[in-house]
Amino acid sequence: MQISSINNYNHKPPVFKAKFLDTPAIREVAKWAVETGNFNKLNEARKQIDYAAVKARIHMDLATNIEGYPIAIFKRYFPKKLNPEYEEDYIISKPIMYFGKDKDVSAIEYGYRKIVQMGFYVTRNRLFKDIIIDAKNL
């Protein structure tokens, strides 16, 4: 019997898409979660958000302010028609910003925490309600 070596070049890390639009911020959060062993928690939050927000899509950006505090910026995309294909096919909410209060937390970790928080008890969650349900349309 011949044993072949494992080809690590074909290994694909877990994909985190969900109701989140593919942005560099989401990619960094998913990468950070995989590297730190927190991907399962992130994926569970994603599943809860998926089941609660059937039509809406979420756009997330991360930043830091001048003093170094993390900022998470969310926008909700809600489809105007049944099968949206272009950005014009969505109603886009105004940005909803959350400001971190700890300089020691990176923007990526802060974004991770906000996603996990949003996926926790979605039916009674203020963060989920602010972003998905009550997001003010343009």
Protein backbone atom coordinates (compact mmCIF):
# COMPACT_ATOMS: atom_id res chain seq x y z
CA MET A 1 0.00 0.00 0.00
CA GLN A 2 1.34 3.42 -0.95
CA ILE A 3 0.73 6.43 1.24
CA SER A 4 0.72 9.78 -0.47
CA SER A 5 1.47 13.08 1.15
CA ILE A 6 -1.30 15.54 1.87
CA ASN A 7 -1.45 18.48 -0.50
CA ASN A 8 -1.99 21.59 1.62
CA TYR A 9 -2.37 23.76 -1.46
CA ASN A 10 -5.85 22.38 -2.09
CA HIS A 11 -7.04 22.98 1.47
CA LYS A 12 -9.77 25.59 1.54
CA PRO A 13 -10.59 27.33 4.82
CA PRO A 14 -14.24 27.44 5.90
CA VAL A 15 -16.34 29.96 4.00
CA PHE A 16 -18.23 32.64 5.90
CA LYS A 17 -20.75 34.32 3.64
CA ALA A 18 -24.22 34.04 5.16
CA LYS A 19 -26.32 37.12 4.82
CA PHE A 20 -23.14 39.18 4.77
CA LEU A 21 -21.92 40.69 1.53
CA ASP A 22 -18.39 39.68 0.61
CA THR A 23 -16.23 42.55 1.86
CA PRO A 24 -12.59 42.69 2.94
CA ALA A 25 -13.79 43.27 6.53
CA ILE A 26 -15.82 40.04 6.57
CA ARG A 27 -12.89 38.13 5.08
CA GLU A 28 -10.56 39.47 7.77
CA VAL A 29 -13.01 38.62 10.56
CA ALA A 30 -13.46 35.07 9.24
CA LYS A 31 -9.69 34.66 8.82
CA TRP A 32 -9.08 35.95 12.36
CA ALA A 33 -11.75 33.58 13.73
CA VAL A 34 -10.15 30.58 11.99
CA GLU A 35 -6.66 31.53 13.22
CA THR A 36 -7.81 31.97 16.82
CA GLY A 37 -10.09 28.92 16.90
CA ASN A 38 -13.31 30.94 17.18
CA PHE A 39 -14.85 30.06 13.81
CA ASN A 40 -17.49 27.72 15.26
CA LYS A 41 -18.88 30.50 17.43
CA LEU A 42 -18.89 32.87 14.44
CA ASN A 43 -20.59 30.25 12.27
CA GLU A 44 -23.30 29.64 14.90
CA ALA A 45 -24.01 33.37 15.00
CA ARG A 46 -24.22 33.38 11.21
CA LYS A 47 -26.75 30.56 11.24
CA GLN A 48 -28.95 32.41 13.73
CA ILE A 49 -28.81 35.56 11.59
CA ASP A 50 -29.58 33.50 8.45
CA TYR A 51 -32.73 32.03 9.95
CA ALA A 52 -33.99 35.34 11.31
CA ALA A 53 -33.19 37.60 8.34
CA VAL A 54 -34.37 35.76 5.27
CA LYS A 55 -34.25 38.51 2.64
CA ALA A 56 -31.85 41.12 4.00
CA ARG A 57 -28.12 41.22 3.26
CA ILE A 58 -25.60 42.86 5.56
CA HIS A 59 -22.61 44.96 4.52
CA MET A 60 -19.91 45.37 7.17
CA ASP A 61 -16.87 47.64 7.27
CA LEU A 62 -14.30 48.06 10.00
CA ALA A 63 -12.22 51.06 10.92
CA THR A 64 -10.48 52.77 13.81
CA ASN A 65 -10.83 56.37 14.86
CA ILE A 66 -7.94 58.79 15.37
CA GLU A 67 -7.42 57.69 18.96
CA GLY A 68 -7.29 53.99 18.00
CA TYR A 69 -10.74 52.85 19.10
CA PRO A 70 -12.41 50.26 16.81
CA ILE A 71 -15.50 51.06 14.75
CA ALA A 72 -17.91 48.60 13.12
CA ILE A 73 -20.10 50.00 10.33
CA PHE A 74 -23.15 48.06 9.12
CA LYS A 75 -25.57 48.68 6.24
CA ARG A 76 -28.64 46.64 5.38
CA TYR A 77 -29.46 45.73 1.77
CA PHE A 78 -33.10 44.76 1.26
CA PRO A 79 -34.19 43.54 -2.22
CA LYS A 80 -36.72 45.58 -4.22
CA LYS A 81 -37.59 42.64 -6.48
CA LEU A 82 -37.64 38.86 -6.26
CA ASN A 83 -34.24 38.06 -7.81
CA PRO A 84 -31.96 41.08 -7.41
CA GLU A 85 -28.86 41.14 -9.59
CA TYR A 86 -27.46 44.65 -9.26
CA GLU A 87 -26.93 47.11 -6.45
CA GLU A 88 -29.81 49.21 -7.82
CA ASP A 89 -32.12 46.29 -7.06
CA TYR A 90 -31.67 46.85 -3.31
CA ILE A 91 -32.88 49.42 -0.81
CA ILE A 92 -29.76 50.36 1.14
CA SER A 93 -30.03 51.62 4.71
CA LYS A 94 -28.00 54.43 6.20
CA PRO A 95 -24.79 53.29 7.89
CA ILE A 96 -25.17 52.17 11.48
CA MET A 97 -21.97 52.69 13.43
CA TYR A 98 -20.83 51.04 16.65
CA PHE A 99 -17.86 52.47 18.50
CA GLY A 100 -15.63 50.32 20.67
CA LYS A 101 -14.55 51.52 24.10
CA ASP A 102 -11.31 49.54 24.38
CA LYS A 103 -8.16 50.53 22.48
CA ASP A 104 -6.60 47.13 23.13
CA VAL A 105 -9.19 45.38 20.93
CA SER A 106 -8.42 45.36 17.22
CA ALA A 107 -11.09 46.41 14.73
CA ILE A 108 -11.19 42.83 13.41
CA GLU A 109 -11.83 41.35 16.86
CA TYR A 110 -14.42 44.06 17.53
CA GLY A 111 -16.22 43.16 14.28
CA TYR A 112 -16.17 39.50 15.31
CA ARG A 113 -17.69 40.39 18.69
CA LYS A 114 -20.45 42.43 17.04
CA ILE A 115 -21.39 39.60 14.68
CA VAL A 116 -21.50 37.11 17.53
CA GLN A 117 -23.53 39.57 19.59
CA MET A 118 -25.94 40.08 16.68
CA GLY A 119 -26.46 36.31 16.38
CA PHE A 120 -27.22 35.82 20.08
CA TYR A 121 -30.98 35.57 20.80
CA VAL A 122 -31.89 37.34 17.56
CA THR A 123 -35.56 37.66 18.46
CA ARG A 124 -34.73 39.77 21.52
CA ASN A 125 -31.46 41.31 20.38
CA ARG A 126 -31.19 45.10 20.17
CA LEU A 127 -28.19 45.00 17.80
CA PHE A 128 -30.03 42.70 15.38
CA LYS A 129 -33.11 44.90 15.57
CA ASP A 130 -31.09 48.07 14.88
CA ILE A 131 -29.32 46.62 11.84
CA ILE A 132 -31.94 44.37 10.24
CA ILE A 133 -35.39 45.47 11.33
CA ASP A 134 -35.18 49.18 12.19
CA ALA A 135 -32.49 50.27 9.73
CA LYS A 136 -33.59 53.58 8.26
CA ASN A 137 -33.84 53.51 4.47
CA LEU A 138 -32.30 56.16 2.30
